[in-house]
Protein backbone atom coordinates (compact mmCIF):
# COMPACT_ATOMS: atom_id res chain seq x y z
CA MET A 1 -26.22 -2.67 13.17
CA ILE A 2 -23.36 0.00 13.33
CA TYR A 3 -20.46 -1.30 11.37
CA PHE A 4 -17.05 0.06 12.36
CA ASP A 5 -14.73 -2.06 10.26
CA GLN A 6 -15.49 -0.68 6.56
CA ALA A 7 -12.12 0.22 5.68
CA ALA A 8 -11.09 -3.67 5.96
CA THR A 9 -14.08 -5.12 4.16
CA SER A 10 -16.12 -2.14 2.58
CA PHE A 11 -19.28 -3.19 3.99
CA PRO A 12 -21.87 -2.37 3.05
CA LYS A 13 -21.14 -2.22 -0.68
CA PRO A 14 -22.86 0.98 -2.30
CA PRO A 15 -25.69 -0.26 -4.41
CA GLU A 16 -23.89 1.16 -7.66
CA VAL A 17 -20.81 -1.21 -6.87
CA ILE A 18 -23.08 -4.31 -6.67
CA GLU A 19 -25.02 -3.30 -9.81
CA LYS A 20 -21.79 -2.74 -11.67
CA MET A 21 -20.30 -6.13 -10.50
CA VAL A 22 -23.56 -7.94 -11.57
CA LYS A 23 -23.22 -6.23 -14.92
CA VAL A 24 -19.65 -7.01 -15.49
CA LEU A 25 -20.05 -10.69 -14.14
CA THR A 26 -23.14 -11.40 -16.38
CA GLU A 27 -22.10 -9.54 -19.33
CA MET A 28 -18.31 -8.68 -19.84
CA THR A 29 -16.51 -11.84 -18.03
CA ALA A 30 -13.66 -12.47 -20.45
CA ASN A 31 -9.79 -12.62 -20.24
CA PRO A 32 -8.65 -8.84 -20.73
CA GLY A 33 -5.51 -8.55 -22.92
CA ARG A 34 -5.54 -12.03 -24.15
CA SER A 35 -7.80 -12.22 -26.82
CA GLY A 36 -9.40 -9.94 -29.41
CA HIS A 37 -12.90 -10.65 -29.13
CA ARG A 38 -15.65 -8.07 -28.15
CA LEU A 39 -15.86 -9.31 -24.64
CA ALA A 40 -11.99 -9.45 -24.00
CA ARG A 41 -11.62 -5.92 -25.52
CA LYS A 42 -14.32 -4.51 -23.09
CA ALA A 43 -13.00 -6.26 -20.23
CA ASN A 44 -9.57 -4.70 -21.13
CA GLN A 45 -11.03 -1.23 -21.44
CA ILE A 46 -12.61 -1.42 -17.94
CA ILE A 47 -9.45 -2.23 -16.54
CA GLU A 48 -7.53 0.41 -18.58
CA GLU A 49 -9.89 2.92 -17.31
CA ALA A 50 -9.73 1.87 -13.80
CA ARG A 51 -5.66 2.01 -14.10
CA GLU A 52 -6.22 5.91 -15.48
CA ARG A 53 -8.71 6.61 -12.49
CA ALA A 54 -6.19 5.15 -10.01
CA ALA A 55 -3.42 6.91 -11.53
CA ASP A 56 -5.00 10.26 -11.52
CA LEU A 57 -6.36 9.75 -7.87
CA PHE A 58 -2.96 8.83 -6.60
CA GLY A 59 -0.63 11.00 -8.47
CA CYS A 60 1.04 8.10 -10.37
CA THR A 61 2.61 9.43 -13.68
CA ASP A 62 2.06 6.18 -15.65
CA PRO A 63 -1.23 4.08 -15.39
CA LYS A 64 0.85 1.10 -16.62
CA LYS A 65 2.08 1.21 -12.89
CA CYS A 66 -1.21 0.85 -11.51
CA LEU A 67 -1.10 -2.63 -10.47
CA PHE A 68 -4.58 -4.59 -9.12
CA PHE A 69 -4.34 -7.46 -6.61
CA PRO A 70 -7.05 -9.29 -4.69
CA ASN A 71 -6.53 -7.28 -1.45
CA ALA A 72 -3.79 -4.89 0.24
CA THR A 73 -2.45 -7.79 2.21
CA VAL A 74 -1.47 -9.55 -1.16
CA ALA A 75 -0.12 -6.34 -2.48
CA ILE A 76 2.03 -5.32 0.39
CA ASN A 77 3.39 -9.03 0.58
CA GLN A 78 4.29 -8.74 -3.25
CA ALA A 79 6.00 -5.34 -2.55
CA ILE A 80 7.98 -6.58 0.47
CA LYS A 81 8.89 -9.87 -1.02
CA GLY A 82 9.56 -8.80 -4.38
CA LEU A 83 12.60 -6.49 -3.34
CA PRO A 84 16.15 -8.17 -3.72
CA TRP A 85 17.12 -8.66 -0.19
CA GLN A 86 20.70 -9.36 1.19
CA ALA A 87 21.65 -10.47 4.68
CA GLY A 88 22.25 -7.45 6.74
CA ASP A 89 19.66 -5.07 4.72
CA HIS A 90 17.60 -3.01 7.31
CA VAL A 91 14.13 -1.94 7.31
CA ILE A 92 12.29 0.54 9.42
CA THR A 93 8.52 0.01 10.39
CA THR A 94 6.42 1.11 13.24
CA SER A 95 4.81 -0.59 16.10
CA LEU A 96 1.25 -0.10 14.55
CA GLU A 97 1.72 -2.27 11.43
CA HIS A 98 -0.79 -4.67 10.58
CA ASN A 99 0.33 -8.38 9.95
CA SER A 100 0.56 -7.80 6.24
CA ILE A 101 3.80 -5.82 6.91
CA ARG A 102 4.82 -7.50 10.15
CA ARG A 103 4.68 -11.02 9.15
CA PRO A 104 6.52 -10.85 5.80
CA LEU A 105 9.12 -8.68 7.50
CA GLU A 106 9.70 -11.14 10.24
CA TYR A 107 9.76 -13.87 7.51
CA LEU A 108 12.49 -12.22 5.63
CA LYS A 109 14.40 -11.58 9.03
CA LYS A 110 14.64 -15.39 9.64
CA THR A 111 15.31 -16.43 5.88
CA GLN A 112 17.21 -13.65 4.40
CA GLN A 113 18.82 -12.22 7.76
CA ILE A 114 17.51 -8.65 7.27
CA ASN A 115 17.32 -6.39 10.46
CA ILE A 116 14.21 -4.48 11.67
CA SER A 117 13.76 -1.42 13.67
CA TYR A 118 10.11 -1.19 15.07
CA ILE A 119 9.63 2.66 15.65
CA ASP A 120 7.13 3.21 18.51
CA TRP A 121 4.04 5.59 17.93
CA GLN A 122 3.05 7.10 21.08
CA GLY A 123 0.92 10.08 19.53
CA GLU A 124 4.03 12.48 19.41
CA GLU A 125 5.07 13.44 15.98
CA ALA A 126 8.37 15.13 16.67
CA ILE A 127 9.65 12.24 18.91
CA PHE A 128 8.37 9.76 15.99
CA ILE A 129 10.15 11.56 13.17
CA GLN A 130 13.31 11.81 15.34
CA SER A 131 13.13 8.12 16.15
CA VAL A 132 12.84 7.51 12.35
CA LYS A 133 15.65 9.63 11.65
CA ASP A 134 17.84 8.13 14.25
CA ALA A 135 17.02 4.49 12.76
CA ILE A 136 18.23 5.37 9.55
CA ARG A 137 21.51 3.61 8.74
CA GLU A 138 23.68 2.94 5.61
CA GLU A 139 21.97 -0.66 5.23
CA THR A 140 18.26 0.62 5.38
CA LYS A 141 16.62 -0.35 2.52
CA LEU A 142 12.90 0.14 3.06
CA ILE A 143 10.56 1.98 5.40
CA ALA A 144 7.39 0.37 5.16
CA MET A 145 4.54 1.85 7.43
CA THR A 146 0.80 2.30 7.87
CA HIS A 147 -0.88 5.88 6.94
CA ALA A 148 -3.13 5.31 9.70
CA SER A 149 -3.75 2.50 12.28
CA ASN A 150 -6.47 -0.04 11.58
CA VAL A 151 -6.73 -0.33 15.57
CA THR A 152 -6.41 2.95 16.81
CA GLY A 153 -7.48 5.32 14.01
CA ASP A 154 -4.12 7.39 14.60
CA VAL A 155 -2.81 8.97 11.30
CA LEU A 156 1.05 9.12 11.27
CA PRO A 157 3.17 11.73 10.19
CA LEU A 158 3.55 10.35 6.48
CA GLN A 159 4.91 13.17 4.62
CA ALA A 160 7.93 13.65 7.08
CA VAL A 161 8.85 10.16 6.76
CA LEU A 162 8.53 10.21 3.17
CA ASP A 163 10.78 13.26 2.99
CA LEU A 164 13.42 11.55 5.28
CA ALA A 165 13.30 8.39 2.95
CA TYR A 166 13.81 10.69 -0.14
CA GLU A 167 16.76 12.52 1.47
CA HIS A 168 18.32 9.23 2.08
CA ASP A 169 17.57 7.36 -0.96
CA ILE A 170 15.41 4.83 0.80
CA PHE A 171 12.50 2.76 -0.80
CA THR A 172 9.15 3.49 0.73
CA LEU A 173 5.98 1.32 1.29
CA VAL A 174 2.99 2.97 2.76
CA ASP A 175 -0.13 0.80 3.46
CA ALA A 176 -2.91 3.39 2.92
CA SER A 177 -5.70 0.81 3.41
CA GLN A 178 -7.39 2.93 5.98
CA THR A 179 -6.90 6.57 4.20
CA ALA A 180 -6.77 6.05 0.48
CA GLY A 181 -9.63 8.12 -0.99
CA HIS A 182 -10.01 9.81 2.35
CA ILE A 183 -6.68 11.59 2.85
CA PRO A 184 -4.99 12.72 -0.15
CA LEU A 185 -2.08 10.82 -1.44
CA HIS A 186 0.22 12.05 -4.42
CA MET A 187 2.82 9.39 -5.52
CA LYS A 188 4.90 11.83 -7.38
CA ASP A 189 4.58 14.81 -5.32
CA GLN A 190 5.36 12.72 -1.94
CA HIS A 191 8.05 10.65 -3.48
């Protein structure tokens, strides 16, 4: 079998991952940070080391800001729904978005009366960036976009969009599910 959906499910797991998971589940299962016994301290140490590695990999200045979620959909929903929204706020997103971005935005459109601009991606970087620039307005609070489409594999011009957002003091949310670990991302340098 040739499996093309690895970014979504990470199948098959490398043997090292399976071995480590079995070891953790059989030897170190405890509540990290909630107790002082040996297993809890070991579980906490594993999590702190993972935070430090993630911070290093993604250019995050503070490992405590590396949060872990069960999956990207849960993390993206938390990020979107966790912002303080007001009626009339505006979001820019793309036509390529996974439901993990599209659905919570549409929910907020209905419940919080936010406005959404969907920027069409046709493979033309200059046209896309100009469309994002044209969509920015005073009420724009967030640009939420995928780094690469899980359907087409197209990689969007992330840095140019991040630069626009930084220039206009707009929050950014990047779904890097398809690119993290494959294309360098640096939170500090890329704003």
